[in-house]
């Protein structure tokens, strides 16, 4: 694929991916699922911090049961809270998350006792409830608790439900406790201010910071102690601790007992601390779903908001700009990578790397209190991968079918799979590669064919070539072509492995064995036996689709091919089965037992070649074969050292045991000729072979 076409296709696919991902992101379709991701991060990644200065006093089932024993049933008389409030008078603040909007059923005196305790302590914050119903309310007091600012607010209500008059006037301040969960019913956010007509009502805990003059609204931004509070759609994204008990918790009945007994130690414990009193008993219906629990006391949510604000312990959401940059990069990377190359493994690796990067980045950033929304870039990754793969399948399916149809007949499946992943390997023309080329030829085929009918000759040739082809493909070779009774194959292109030379030699040995088995069948059928000769050489080739635009085939050309063909013919001279070059031998000497046949020159080539005969794999040969090679090698070494008589003695001893060993017989003849020579030339040891 040329660069111009690649750029055009990448641009189109990237734009489609960006548009789709941006649309989904902006329409917040993934919002419910993104909430779940945030919940997981909150539950397992948030630090398990404890806030020692915040205490919770729960009106739990234990408290209700204990007071029931004293004949005090729920709802309790309000004066029951008075000693506890007085006991907490030295606390920094006491938030009572209990609605006190109706007169006590125990009478006016009951309310009066509580109001006096609240006023005396001077640190008690009481809740108001906002309503969308249009009803009358004390606008004068609304003005008193309203925060004077013109900040635009998302949450608007029509009325305020205050505590009863006595309590309203005696409280330190008031704030709204009526917050709404997210769309899925989980409490993750808390608005800091609410709009009721022209009044700006603070959230329950925000009223504390207003009293301390720590809240400031500037340029539509809410600051606490001059530090911006990060908001998500106008609300504080609550940062819950992953610790199940981040605050010090007491049962109400425990503090009530301490207050009546005058426990000074516990009273001193609360000094300077912030205390929240709220309901946790199941029947009191103030249990909420949060990221950390499906049964979280409502007062716990307010305590968490307070902790976030006072410690500036915020979760900051990564701005939209960075999300769009991420969407752009992913939408560009996937099409470019997938179309640039065709390896499914590489594509999968790129996909997984990006996925791991997204997850890792989200996790690491979250640990630093930065929340990167994971699903938009994840969707971009999925969508861009799908449309790119679909496009590739639609446009390159024809090419894949061609590759399968053309190459499956004469290549191993692994090589075909490689070509499917790397079709650029078979583009017209060629590339310089290193390959191991294999030639196998039927010895004396002309004489054999003269003895058989044309039909029998064709059938014999078919069976021989079929047997050889199966072996070559079995060992990962590529069958290049059939030239009469000769088969040409190669290893190393298009797929290079470290064992190409070894596989070629193993294929050669098994080809010899397969022909021996085939000869048994020919013998039964009354047909003459056949013998094959094989030549193997490793070197540089030009590999690719060679031919015209209309007719071509994947092949290799070059001097390496010619040498392999010549080596196959040299077998006839030495009466051997398999000859390999020095280049092939150097890669296989640890595996195969071989002997050097000599240094030769062949027709059409000036440079000498050192050649070897392979006899088998070292760990599979009989001892007598190994002994033959050892003796031969010793004799050949003496021959090269011009120690004629000693060499001659060894070759004669070999022929006594192996009378058909032609290389030993050949060197006996050579020794006789050289001994009779008057003067040896520098290249006296080179064998000049004038046959093909």
Foldseek 3Di string as FASTA:
>chain_A
DDPVVLVVVLVVLLVVLLVVLVVCVVVCVCVVVLVLVVLVCLQPQFAQAADAQEEEAAQAPVVQVVVVVVVAHPPGQQLLCLLLLLLLLQFQAEEEADAQLDDDPVDPVSVVNNLVSQLVSLHYEYEKEFAQDADDDDVVVLQVQFDDDDADADAEHADIRHHPPSNCVRHNHYAHLDDAPPPVFANFWAAQWYHHPPGIGGHRLVSSQVVVVQWDQDPSFIGGVNHTQAADNRTAGFRDRSNPDSYHYHYNVVSSVCSVVVVVVVSVSSRHGYYYYFYQYPVVPQFGHYSNHRGHGSSVRVSRVNVCRVVVVGQHEDDPVVLSVLLSVLSSVLLSVCVVFQAPVVSVVVLVVVLCVLVVVQSVVVSVRYHYSRPSSVSSNVSSNVVSVVVCCVVCVVVLVVLCVAFVVQFAPVQSSVCSRGVVLADPWWDKWKKKKKKKAWPPLVVQVVVDDPVVSVVVLVVLVVLLSVLCRVLGWGFFDDDPSMTMIMPCPPPHDLCRLVSNVVSLVVSQVSLVVVQVVCVVVVGHRIAMAMFMEIDIWIWHFDDDPVDTDTDTDDPRNVRRVVRSVCCVVQVAHYKYFPRSCVSCVQFFDKAWLFWEDEPPGDDITTMIGTDGTPVPDDPVVVVLRVLLNVLVVCVVVVVLVVSLVSLVVSCVVVVPRRSSVVVNVLSVVVVPDPDADPVNRYHYDYDD
